[in-house]
Structures are given as C-alpha cells and as structure tokens.
Amino acid sequence: MVEPGPVIFNGDLSGGPTVKEAKAGARDQSVWTIPKEKRIVCEEDEMAEAKMGDRVRVHFTARLLDGTIVSTTADEEPLEFTIGEGEIIPGLERAAIGMNPGESKTIQIPADQAFGPHHPEMVVVMDRRRFPAEWQLEVGRELQFRKEDGDVVRFFITNLSETEVTLDANHPLAGKDLSLDLKFIEIV
C-alpha cells in the first residue's frame, strides 16, 4: 500500500485520484505520478533564496561592538534595496545573499565592509573666527560646505575649543566594526 502524501494539483483532476482516495492511499503508484512539468508547487514549499539583482526587504539592528545601537528599522518600515546595486553598506548586502524569507541571523561586519576606514586626511582643524558668530557650534553637529564645483561636502564637528573647530568629513561610523541582527522579510 502506498503511504498517503500531499496532493499536487496539476490543473486537471480527471482520471486522477479524488482527495478522498489520496488521503486513504492508493494501490496503484501511477495515480500519484504527475509529470514534473505539470506540477504546481506552492510558493511556501519552494523557498526562494535571495541572489544578486533581487529587490529585497529586511529589518535590521546595527550595533557597535560594545552593544550601542547605531541604527535600526525595528519600529519602522523594513529597509528595501536591490542586491548588487551598492545602495547600502557592502556587509549588509552580502549578508542578505542566500537568505530565505523569515530567516534571521547575526553577523559581524568589519569596518571596511561597513562605512569604510577612518581617513585622517579628512579631518581639518579650523580657526573658530572663520565661522559666523551666530552659528551654534557644538560637537556632533553636521555642517555642509559647497565647493567651487558645486558639490556639497558634509563635515561633523568632533571637537571644539575657544580658538579651534575640528571638522571630520568621514562618516561618523567610519573605522568602526559593527554587529548586525538581520531578519529577511521578502524578495519583492
């Protein structure tokens, strides 16, 4: 006797077992055989792994190695991006490859796969008198300067004294390794 198994609907039940027969089992193995090209498999039965070029949605929480949360989508919409387009940090993009909907994992991302190394040549110290007196300068504040060619350069104030302002054009997380909790939501 053939063990009862799942019924795969091939679009034409004529000549095949009834649901009642399928549940009870069938003696003739041929009634269970449906040519592979005629099978319809439910999407949840066939897990799609994320690959290059896929548009995906994920939830994530990024932390410094000391546990400080630096970014999260926990209370927001999931992050949506196309794998391989360079829309996000390389470490997160690579982590999504091969994941299935509903899957979660925690990974460590080295600085060079996150926001890059910290470049000391991108730090400048300027005389405080070069800034308008009405500007409220404080550590952590972002300033934007327009270059002669029209491009905008972002700086963050990293240090202040009575006479100097230290500006850093590096990303605030440059040079930092991250821990990333990733939950793969879907392939869009």
N, C-alpha and C. Protein backbone atom coordinates (compact mmCIF):
# COMPACT_ATOMS: atom_id res chain seq x y z
N MET A 1 0.84 -1.18 0.00
CA MET A 1 0.00 0.00 0.00
C MET A 1 0.88 1.24 0.00
N VAL A 2 0.52 2.23 -0.79
CA VAL A 2 1.25 3.48 -0.88
C VAL A 2 0.86 4.36 0.30
N GLU A 3 1.86 4.97 0.95
CA GLU A 3 1.58 5.86 2.07
C GLU A 3 0.89 7.12 1.56
N PRO A 4 -0.10 7.64 2.28
CA PRO A 4 -0.74 8.89 1.87
C PRO A 4 0.30 10.01 1.87
N GLY A 5 0.16 10.91 0.96
CA GLY A 5 1.10 12.03 0.86
C GLY A 5 0.38 13.26 0.38
N PRO A 6 1.11 14.32 0.10
CA PRO A 6 0.47 15.55 -0.36
C PRO A 6 -0.11 15.37 -1.75
N VAL A 7 -1.18 16.08 -2.01
CA VAL A 7 -1.77 16.08 -3.33
C VAL A 7 -1.24 17.31 -4.05
N ILE A 8 -0.66 17.11 -5.22
CA ILE A 8 -0.18 18.22 -6.03
C ILE A 8 -1.15 18.36 -7.18
N PHE A 9 -1.87 19.45 -7.22
CA PHE A 9 -2.88 19.67 -8.24
C PHE A 9 -2.20 20.03 -9.55
N ASN A 10 -2.52 19.30 -10.61
CA ASN A 10 -1.87 19.56 -11.89
C ASN A 10 -2.77 20.30 -12.85
N GLY A 11 -3.91 20.79 -12.37
CA GLY A 11 -4.80 21.56 -13.22
C GLY A 11 -5.86 20.71 -13.89
N ASP A 12 -5.74 19.39 -13.83
CA ASP A 12 -6.71 18.50 -14.46
C ASP A 12 -6.87 17.28 -13.58
N LEU A 13 -7.97 17.24 -12.83
CA LEU A 13 -8.18 16.13 -11.91
C LEU A 13 -8.82 14.93 -12.58
N SER A 14 -9.22 15.06 -13.83
CA SER A 14 -9.88 13.93 -14.48
C SER A 14 -8.90 12.77 -14.61
N GLY A 15 -9.34 11.63 -14.17
CA GLY A 15 -8.50 10.44 -14.28
C GLY A 15 -7.57 10.26 -13.11
N GLY A 16 -7.39 11.27 -12.25
CA GLY A 16 -6.51 11.15 -11.10
C GLY A 16 -7.30 10.76 -9.87
N PRO A 17 -6.64 10.56 -8.75
CA PRO A 17 -7.35 10.16 -7.54
C PRO A 17 -8.19 11.30 -7.01
N THR A 18 -9.26 10.99 -6.32
CA THR A 18 -10.03 12.01 -5.63
C THR A 18 -9.27 12.34 -4.36
N VAL A 19 -9.62 13.44 -3.74
CA VAL A 19 -8.97 13.81 -2.48
C VAL A 19 -9.19 12.70 -1.47
N LYS A 20 -10.37 12.11 -1.46
CA LYS A 20 -10.68 11.02 -0.54
C LYS A 20 -9.74 9.84 -0.78
N GLU A 21 -9.53 9.49 -2.05
CA GLU A 21 -8.63 8.38 -2.38
C GLU A 21 -7.19 8.71 -2.00
N ALA A 22 -6.80 9.98 -2.22
CA ALA A 22 -5.43 10.37 -1.91
C ALA A 22 -5.16 10.26 -0.42
N LYS A 23 -6.14 10.67 0.40
CA LYS A 23 -5.97 10.59 1.84
C LYS A 23 -5.93 9.14 2.32
N ALA A 24 -6.70 8.32 1.67
CA ALA A 24 -6.75 6.91 2.07
C ALA A 24 -5.56 6.13 1.55
N GLY A 25 -4.88 6.65 0.58
CA GLY A 25 -3.77 5.94 -0.04
C GLY A 25 -4.28 5.26 -1.29
N ALA A 26 -3.40 4.89 -2.13
CA ALA A 26 -3.80 4.23 -3.38
C ALA A 26 -2.87 3.06 -3.63
N ARG A 27 -3.42 2.03 -4.23
CA ARG A 27 -2.61 0.86 -4.52
C ARG A 27 -1.78 1.05 -5.76
N ASP A 28 -2.29 1.80 -6.69
CA ASP A 28 -1.60 1.97 -7.96
C ASP A 28 -0.71 3.21 -7.88
N GLN A 29 0.61 3.02 -7.82
CA GLN A 29 1.56 4.12 -7.68
C GLN A 29 1.40 5.13 -8.82
N SER A 30 0.95 4.70 -9.99
CA SER A 30 0.87 5.60 -11.13
C SER A 30 -0.12 6.74 -10.91
N VAL A 31 -1.13 6.55 -10.07
CA VAL A 31 -2.09 7.64 -9.86
C VAL A 31 -1.45 8.79 -9.09
N TRP A 32 -0.33 8.54 -8.44
CA TRP A 32 0.37 9.58 -7.70
C TRP A 32 1.39 10.31 -8.57
N THR A 33 1.68 9.77 -9.72
CA THR A 33 2.74 10.33 -10.55
C THR A 33 2.18 11.41 -11.46
N ILE A 34 2.70 12.61 -11.32
CA ILE A 34 2.33 13.73 -12.18
C ILE A 34 3.62 14.20 -12.82
N PRO A 35 3.65 14.32 -14.13
CA PRO A 35 4.88 14.77 -14.77
C PRO A 35 5.35 16.09 -14.16
N LYS A 36 6.65 16.20 -13.94
CA LYS A 36 7.23 17.37 -13.27
C LYS A 36 6.83 18.68 -13.95
N GLU A 37 6.78 18.68 -15.28
CA GLU A 37 6.45 19.92 -15.99
C GLU A 37 5.01 20.36 -15.77
N LYS A 38 4.14 19.47 -15.25
CA LYS A 38 2.74 19.83 -15.00
C LYS A 38 2.48 20.14 -13.53
N ARG A 39 3.48 19.99 -12.68
CA ARG A 39 3.28 20.23 -11.26
C ARG A 39 3.20 21.71 -10.95
N ILE A 40 2.36 22.04 -10.02
CA ILE A 40 2.28 23.39 -9.49
C ILE A 40 2.65 23.28 -8.02
N VAL A 41 3.70 23.98 -7.64
CA VAL A 41 4.18 23.90 -6.27
C VAL A 41 3.88 25.22 -5.58
N CYS A 42 3.34 25.16 -4.39
CA CYS A 42 3.05 26.37 -3.63
C CYS A 42 4.35 27.11 -3.37
N GLU A 43 4.27 28.45 -3.38
CA GLU A 43 5.46 29.27 -3.18
C GLU A 43 6.12 28.97 -1.84
N GLU A 44 5.34 28.72 -0.79
CA GLU A 44 5.93 28.47 0.52
C GLU A 44 6.66 27.13 0.56
N ASP A 45 6.33 26.21 -0.36
CA ASP A 45 7.04 24.93 -0.42
C ASP A 45 8.40 25.09 -1.07
N GLU A 46 8.54 26.08 -1.90
CA GLU A 46 9.78 26.31 -2.64
C GLU A 46 10.39 27.60 -2.12
N MET A 47 11.38 27.50 -1.23
CA MET A 47 11.97 28.69 -0.63
C MET A 47 12.89 29.37 -1.62
N ALA A 48 12.63 30.63 -1.87
CA ALA A 48 13.44 31.40 -2.79
C ALA A 48 14.57 32.05 -2.01
N GLU A 49 15.79 31.75 -2.41
CA GLU A 49 16.95 32.38 -1.78
C GLU A 49 17.26 33.69 -2.48
N ALA A 50 17.61 34.70 -1.71
CA ALA A 50 17.98 36.00 -2.27
C ALA A 50 19.28 35.87 -3.03
N LYS A 51 19.33 36.54 -4.18
CA LYS A 51 20.53 36.50 -5.02
C LYS A 51 20.80 37.88 -5.61
N MET A 52 21.94 38.03 -6.25
CA MET A 52 22.30 39.29 -6.89
C MET A 52 21.18 39.73 -7.83
N GLY A 53 20.84 41.01 -7.77
CA GLY A 53 19.81 41.56 -8.63
C GLY A 53 18.41 41.55 -8.04
N ASP A 54 18.21 40.78 -6.95
CA ASP A 54 16.89 40.74 -6.32
C ASP A 54 16.65 42.02 -5.52
N ARG A 55 15.43 42.51 -5.58
CA ARG A 55 14.99 43.62 -4.71
C ARG A 55 14.41 42.96 -3.47
N VAL A 56 14.94 43.32 -2.31
CA VAL A 56 14.57 42.64 -1.06
C VAL A 56 14.19 43.65 0.01
N ARG A 57 13.52 43.13 1.04
CA ARG A 57 13.16 43.92 2.22
C ARG A 57 13.66 43.18 3.45
N VAL A 58 14.33 43.93 4.34
CA VAL A 58 14.88 43.36 5.57
C VAL A 58 14.63 44.31 6.73
N HIS A 59 14.57 43.73 7.93
CA HIS A 59 14.66 44.51 9.16
C HIS A 59 16.05 44.28 9.71
N PHE A 60 16.63 45.30 10.32
CA PHE A 60 17.96 45.15 10.90
C PHE A 60 18.13 46.02 12.13
N THR A 61 19.08 45.61 12.96
CA THR A 61 19.58 46.44 14.05
C THR A 61 21.09 46.38 13.99
N ALA A 62 21.72 47.54 13.82
CA ALA A 62 23.18 47.63 13.77
C ALA A 62 23.68 48.18 15.09
N ARG A 63 24.71 47.52 15.62
CA ARG A 63 25.29 47.91 16.91
C ARG A 63 26.80 48.05 16.78
N LEU A 64 27.36 48.92 17.61
CA LEU A 64 28.80 48.91 17.78
C LEU A 64 29.13 47.65 18.58
N LEU A 65 30.37 47.25 18.61
CA LEU A 65 30.72 46.02 19.32
C LEU A 65 30.51 46.11 20.82
N ASP A 66 30.37 47.33 21.35
CA ASP A 66 30.06 47.48 22.79
C ASP A 66 28.56 47.36 23.07
N GLY A 67 27.75 47.14 22.01
CA GLY A 67 26.31 46.96 22.17
C GLY A 67 25.47 48.19 21.89
N THR A 68 26.10 49.34 21.70
CA THR A 68 25.37 50.58 21.42
C THR A 68 24.67 50.47 20.06
N ILE A 69 23.35 50.68 20.06
CA ILE A 69 22.59 50.64 18.81
C ILE A 69 22.84 51.93 18.03
N VAL A 70 23.25 51.77 16.77
CA VAL A 70 23.53 52.94 15.93
C VAL A 70 22.47 53.14 14.85
N SER A 71 21.72 52.09 14.53
CA SER A 71 20.65 52.20 13.54
C SER A 71 19.75 50.97 13.63
N THR A 72 18.44 51.18 13.43
CA THR A 72 17.52 50.05 13.45
C THR A 72 16.26 50.39 12.66
N THR A 73 15.63 49.36 12.14
CA THR A 73 14.33 49.52 11.47
C THR A 73 13.23 48.88 12.32
N ALA A 74 13.53 48.57 13.58
CA ALA A 74 12.60 47.84 14.45
C ALA A 74 11.21 48.47 14.50
N ASP A 75 11.12 49.77 14.61
CA ASP A 75 9.82 50.44 14.70
C ASP A 75 9.47 51.19 13.42
N GLU A 76 10.07 50.77 12.32
CA GLU A 76 9.87 51.44 11.03
C GLU A 76 9.54 50.41 9.96
N GLU A 77 9.36 50.91 8.75
CA GLU A 77 9.20 50.02 7.60
C GLU A 77 10.54 49.31 7.36
N PRO A 78 10.51 48.09 6.82
CA PRO A 78 11.76 47.41 6.51
C PRO A 78 12.58 48.19 5.48
N LEU A 79 13.87 47.99 5.51
CA LEU A 79 14.77 48.56 4.51
C LEU A 79 14.59 47.79 3.21
N GLU A 80 14.44 48.50 2.11
CA GLU A 80 14.29 47.86 0.79
C GLU A 80 15.46 48.27 -0.08
N PHE A 81 16.10 47.30 -0.74
CA PHE A 81 17.23 47.59 -1.60
C PHE A 81 17.40 46.48 -2.63
N THR A 82 18.17 46.76 -3.66
CA THR A 82 18.48 45.77 -4.70
C THR A 82 19.89 45.25 -4.45
N ILE A 83 20.02 43.95 -4.28
CA ILE A 83 21.32 43.33 -4.02
C ILE A 83 22.23 43.54 -5.23
N GLY A 84 23.41 44.10 -4.98
CA GLY A 84 24.39 44.31 -6.04
C GLY A 84 24.41 45.72 -6.60
N GLU A 85 23.48 46.57 -6.17
CA GLU A 85 23.41 47.94 -6.69
C GLU A 85 24.22 48.94 -5.86
N GLY A 86 24.77 48.50 -4.72
CA GLY A 86 25.57 49.41 -3.89
C GLY A 86 24.75 50.47 -3.17
N GLU A 87 23.48 50.19 -2.92
CA GLU A 87 22.60 51.16 -2.24
C GLU A 87 22.84 51.19 -0.73
N ILE A 88 23.45 50.16 -0.19
CA ILE A 88 23.67 50.04 1.25
C ILE A 88 25.11 49.59 1.49
N ILE A 89 25.48 49.45 2.76
CA ILE A 89 26.85 49.03 3.06
C ILE A 89 27.08 47.61 2.54
N PRO A 90 28.28 47.33 2.03
CA PRO A 90 28.56 46.03 1.42
C PRO A 90 28.33 44.83 2.34
N GLY A 91 28.63 44.96 3.62
CA GLY A 91 28.47 43.84 4.55
C GLY A 91 27.03 43.41 4.72
N LEU A 92 26.11 44.37 4.76
CA LEU A 92 24.69 44.05 4.88
C LEU A 92 24.20 43.43 3.57
N GLU A 93 24.63 43.98 2.46
CA GLU A 93 24.24 43.46 1.15
C GLU A 93 24.67 42.01 0.99
N ARG A 94 25.92 41.71 1.34
CA ARG A 94 26.44 40.33 1.23
C ARG A 94 25.71 39.38 2.18
N ALA A 95 25.34 39.88 3.36
CA ALA A 95 24.66 39.05 4.35
C ALA A 95 23.30 38.59 3.84
N ALA A 96 22.63 39.41 3.03
CA ALA A 96 21.30 39.08 2.53
C ALA A 96 21.33 37.98 1.47
N ILE A 97 22.45 37.84 0.77
CA ILE A 97 22.55 36.83 -0.29
C ILE A 97 22.41 35.43 0.32
N GLY A 98 21.52 34.65 -0.26
CA GLY A 98 21.30 33.28 0.20
C GLY A 98 20.26 33.15 1.30
N MET A 99 19.74 34.27 1.81
CA MET A 99 18.73 34.20 2.86
C MET A 99 17.35 33.92 2.27
N ASN A 100 16.51 33.31 3.07
CA ASN A 100 15.13 33.00 2.70
C ASN A 100 14.18 33.85 3.52
N PRO A 101 12.98 34.14 3.00
CA PRO A 101 12.00 34.89 3.77
C PRO A 101 11.77 34.26 5.15
N GLY A 102 11.75 35.11 6.19
CA GLY A 102 11.54 34.65 7.55
C GLY A 102 12.83 34.29 8.29
N GLU A 103 13.93 34.16 7.57
CA GLU A 103 15.21 33.77 8.18
C GLU A 103 15.83 34.96 8.91
N SER A 104 16.51 34.68 10.03
CA SER A 104 17.22 35.70 10.80
C SER A 104 18.63 35.24 11.07
N LYS A 105 19.55 36.20 11.22
CA LYS A 105 20.92 35.87 11.62
C LYS A 105 21.60 37.10 12.19
N THR A 106 22.66 36.86 12.92
CA THR A 106 23.50 37.93 13.47
C THR A 106 24.89 37.74 12.90
N ILE A 107 25.46 38.83 12.38
CA ILE A 107 26.79 38.76 11.78
C ILE A 107 27.64 39.92 12.29
N GLN A 108 28.94 39.77 12.16
CA GLN A 108 29.88 40.83 12.45
C GLN A 108 30.33 41.41 11.12
N ILE A 109 30.32 42.73 11.01
CA ILE A 109 30.75 43.40 9.78
C ILE A 109 31.98 44.24 10.09
N PRO A 110 33.12 43.91 9.48
CA PRO A 110 34.32 44.72 9.71
C PRO A 110 34.15 46.11 9.08
N ALA A 111 34.86 47.08 9.61
CA ALA A 111 34.74 48.47 9.17
C ALA A 111 34.86 48.62 7.66
N ASP A 112 35.76 47.87 7.03
CA ASP A 112 35.93 48.04 5.58
C ASP A 112 34.73 47.54 4.78
N GLN A 113 33.83 46.75 5.40
CA GLN A 113 32.60 46.30 4.75
C GLN A 113 31.37 47.06 5.27
N ALA A 114 31.63 48.04 6.15
CA ALA A 114 30.56 48.86 6.72
C ALA A 114 30.68 50.26 6.12
N PHE A 115 31.22 51.19 6.89
CA PHE A 115 31.33 52.57 6.42
C PHE A 115 32.76 52.96 6.07
N GLY A 116 33.61 51.94 5.91
CA GLY A 116 34.98 52.17 5.48
C GLY A 116 35.91 52.57 6.61
N PRO A 117 37.19 52.65 6.30
CA PRO A 117 38.16 53.06 7.32
C PRO A 117 38.06 54.55 7.60
N HIS A 118 38.59 54.96 8.73
CA HIS A 118 38.64 56.37 9.08
C HIS A 118 39.89 56.95 8.42
N HIS A 119 39.71 57.99 7.60
CA HIS A 119 40.83 58.62 6.89
C HIS A 119 41.24 59.91 7.61
N PRO A 120 42.41 59.90 8.25
CA PRO A 120 42.85 61.09 9.00
C PRO A 120 42.96 62.34 8.13
N GLU A 121 43.24 62.17 6.84
CA GLU A 121 43.37 63.33 5.95
C GLU A 121 42.03 64.04 5.71
N MET A 122 40.94 63.44 6.16
CA MET A 122 39.62 64.05 6.01
C MET A 122 39.21 64.83 7.27
N VAL A 123 40.15 65.01 8.18
CA VAL A 123 39.91 65.78 9.40
C VAL A 123 40.68 67.09 9.28
N VAL A 124 39.99 68.20 9.52
CA VAL A 124 40.64 69.52 9.46
C VAL A 124 40.35 70.29 10.74
N VAL A 125 41.32 71.09 11.13
CA VAL A 125 41.16 71.97 12.29
C VAL A 125 41.16 73.39 11.74
N MET A 126 40.10 74.13 12.09
CA MET A 126 39.96 75.49 11.57
C MET A 126 39.88 76.48 12.72
N ASP A 127 40.30 77.70 12.42
CA ASP A 127 40.20 78.79 13.39
C ASP A 127 38.71 79.08 13.62
N ARG A 128 38.32 79.16 14.86
CA ARG A 128 36.92 79.37 15.21
C ARG A 128 36.39 80.70 14.68
N ARG A 129 37.26 81.68 14.49
CA ARG A 129 36.84 83.01 14.00
C ARG A 129 36.35 82.95 12.54
N ARG A 130 36.64 81.85 11.83
CA ARG A 130 36.19 81.72 10.43
C ARG A 130 34.70 81.39 10.33
N PHE A 131 34.07 81.06 11.46
CA PHE A 131 32.65 80.72 11.48
C PHE A 131 31.84 81.92 11.97
N PRO A 132 30.70 82.17 11.36
CA PRO A 132 29.86 83.30 11.82
C PRO A 132 29.51 83.14 13.30
N ALA A 133 29.51 84.23 14.01
CA ALA A 133 29.25 84.23 15.46
C ALA A 133 27.87 83.67 15.79
N GLU A 134 26.90 83.86 14.90
CA GLU A 134 25.54 83.38 15.18
C GLU A 134 25.38 81.87 15.02
N TRP A 135 26.35 81.21 14.43
CA TRP A 135 26.26 79.75 14.29
C TRP A 135 26.42 79.11 15.66
N GLN A 136 25.55 78.19 15.97
CA GLN A 136 25.63 77.47 17.24
C GLN A 136 26.49 76.22 17.02
N LEU A 137 27.75 76.34 17.30
CA LEU A 137 28.67 75.23 17.10
C LEU A 137 28.63 74.31 18.31
N GLU A 138 28.50 72.99 18.03
CA GLU A 138 28.53 72.00 19.10
C GLU A 138 29.02 70.67 18.53
N VAL A 139 29.66 69.90 19.37
CA VAL A 139 30.19 68.60 18.95
C VAL A 139 29.03 67.72 18.48
N GLY A 140 29.23 67.08 17.33
CA GLY A 140 28.21 66.20 16.75
C GLY A 140 27.38 66.87 15.68
N ARG A 141 27.39 68.20 15.63
CA ARG A 141 26.60 68.91 14.63
C ARG A 141 27.19 68.71 13.24
N GLU A 142 26.30 68.59 12.26
CA GLU A 142 26.72 68.43 10.87
C GLU A 142 26.74 69.80 10.20
N LEU A 143 27.80 70.06 9.45
CA LEU A 143 27.90 71.29 8.65
C LEU A 143 28.10 70.88 7.20
N GLN A 144 27.54 71.65 6.29
CA GLN A 144 27.71 71.39 4.87
C GLN A 144 28.35 72.60 4.22
N PHE A 145 29.34 72.31 3.39
CA PHE A 145 30.04 73.37 2.66
C PHE A 145 29.94 73.08 1.17
N ARG A 146 29.66 74.11 0.41
CA ARG A 146 29.60 73.95 -1.04
C ARG A 146 30.98 74.29 -1.62
N LYS A 147 31.50 73.35 -2.41
CA LYS A 147 32.79 73.57 -3.06
C LYS A 147 32.59 74.44 -4.30
N GLU A 148 33.69 74.92 -4.87
CA GLU A 148 33.62 75.76 -6.07
C GLU A 148 32.93 75.07 -7.23
N ASP A 149 33.06 73.73 -7.31
CA ASP A 149 32.44 72.99 -8.42
C ASP A 149 30.96 72.69 -8.17
N GLY A 150 30.43 73.15 -7.03
CA GLY A 150 29.02 72.96 -6.72
C GLY A 150 28.74 71.76 -5.83
N ASP A 151 29.69 70.83 -5.70
CA ASP A 151 29.49 69.67 -4.83
C ASP A 151 29.41 70.11 -3.38
N VAL A 152 28.64 69.37 -2.61
CA VAL A 152 28.49 69.66 -1.18
C VAL A 152 29.31 68.65 -0.39
N VAL A 153 30.07 69.13 0.58
CA VAL A 153 30.86 68.28 1.46
C VAL A 153 30.28 68.39 2.86
N ARG A 154 30.01 67.22 3.45
CA ARG A 154 29.47 67.19 4.82
C ARG A 154 30.61 66.99 5.81
N PHE A 155 30.58 67.76 6.87
CA PHE A 155 31.53 67.62 7.96
C PHE A 155 30.75 67.49 9.26
N PHE A 156 31.36 66.82 10.22
CA PHE A 156 30.80 66.74 11.57
C PHE A 156 31.79 67.39 12.51
N ILE A 157 31.29 68.19 13.43
CA ILE A 157 32.16 68.81 14.43
C ILE A 157 32.50 67.73 15.45
N THR A 158 33.79 67.46 15.59
CA THR A 158 34.22 66.41 16.52
C THR A 158 34.93 66.97 17.75
N ASN A 159 35.35 68.24 17.69
CA ASN A 159 35.99 68.85 18.85
C ASN A 159 35.88 70.36 18.74
N LEU A 160 35.72 71.01 19.88
CA LEU A 160 35.65 72.48 19.95
C LEU A 160 36.54 72.98 21.07
N SER A 161 37.20 74.08 20.80
CA SER A 161 37.92 74.77 21.86
C SER A 161 37.59 76.25 21.72
N GLU A 162 38.15 77.09 22.54
CA GLU A 162 37.90 78.54 22.46
C GLU A 162 38.40 79.10 21.13
N THR A 163 39.43 78.45 20.55
CA THR A 163 40.06 79.03 19.36
C THR A 163 39.92 78.16 18.10
N GLU A 164 39.57 76.88 18.25
CA GLU A 164 39.56 75.98 17.09
C GLU A 164 38.30 75.13 17.01
N VAL A 165 37.98 74.73 15.77
CA VAL A 165 36.88 73.80 15.49
C VAL A 165 37.48 72.65 14.68
N THR A 166 37.28 71.42 15.17
CA THR A 166 37.76 70.25 14.43
C THR A 166 36.60 69.68 13.64
N LEU A 167 36.77 69.57 12.33
CA LEU A 167 35.76 69.06 11.41
C LEU A 167 36.24 67.74 10.81
N ASP A 168 35.33 66.78 10.71
CA ASP A 168 35.67 65.46 10.18
C ASP A 168 34.69 65.14 9.05
N ALA A 169 35.21 64.91 7.84
CA ALA A 169 34.37 64.57 6.68
C ALA A 169 34.14 63.07 6.55
N ASN A 170 34.73 62.28 7.44
CA ASN A 170 34.45 60.84 7.46
C ASN A 170 33.02 60.61 7.93
N HIS A 171 32.44 59.50 7.53
CA HIS A 171 31.15 59.10 8.10
C HIS A 171 31.36 58.90 9.59
N PRO A 172 30.38 59.24 10.44
CA PRO A 172 30.57 59.07 11.88
C PRO A 172 30.91 57.63 12.30
N LEU A 173 30.54 56.64 11.50
CA LEU A 173 30.84 55.24 11.84
C LEU A 173 32.05 54.69 11.09
N ALA A 174 32.77 55.55 10.38
CA ALA A 174 33.97 55.10 9.68
C ALA A 174 34.97 54.56 10.69
N GLY A 175 35.59 53.45 10.34
CA GLY A 175 36.59 52.83 11.21
C GLY A 175 36.00 51.96 12.30
N LYS A 176 34.69 51.80 12.32
CA LYS A 176 34.03 51.01 13.38
C LYS A 176 33.51 49.69 12.82
N ASP A 177 33.81 48.60 13.54
CA ASP A 177 33.22 47.30 13.23
C ASP A 177 31.81 47.29 13.79
N LEU A 178 30.91 46.56 13.12
CA LEU A 178 29.51 46.51 13.56
C LEU A 178 29.05 45.09 13.79
N SER A 179 28.06 44.94 14.65
CA SER A 179 27.31 43.69 14.81
C SER A 179 25.94 43.98 14.23
N LEU A 180 25.44 43.05 13.41
CA LEU A 180 24.19 43.29 12.71
C LEU A 180 23.22 42.13 12.92
N ASP A 181 22.05 42.45 13.48
CA ASP A 181 20.95 41.48 13.57
C ASP A 181 20.11 41.72 12.33
N LEU A 182 19.92 40.67 11.53
CA LEU A 182 19.23 40.81 10.25
C LEU A 182 18.07 39.83 10.18
N LYS A 183 16.88 40.33 9.81
CA LYS A 183 15.72 39.48 9.58
C LYS A 183 15.28 39.72 8.14
N PHE A 184 15.33 38.66 7.34
CA PHE A 184 14.97 38.75 5.93
C PHE A 184 13.45 38.66 5.82
N ILE A 185 12.82 39.68 5.27
CA ILE A 185 11.37 39.74 5.16
C ILE A 185 10.89 39.10 3.86
N GLU A 186 11.34 39.64 2.72
CA GLU A 186 10.84 39.11 1.45
C GLU A 186 11.69 39.56 0.27
N ILE A 187 11.51 38.82 -0.82
CA ILE A 187 12.01 39.24 -2.12
C ILE A 187 10.82 39.93 -2.78
N VAL A 188 11.00 41.18 -3.17
CA VAL A 188 9.90 41.99 -3.72
C VAL A 188 9.68 41.63 -5.18
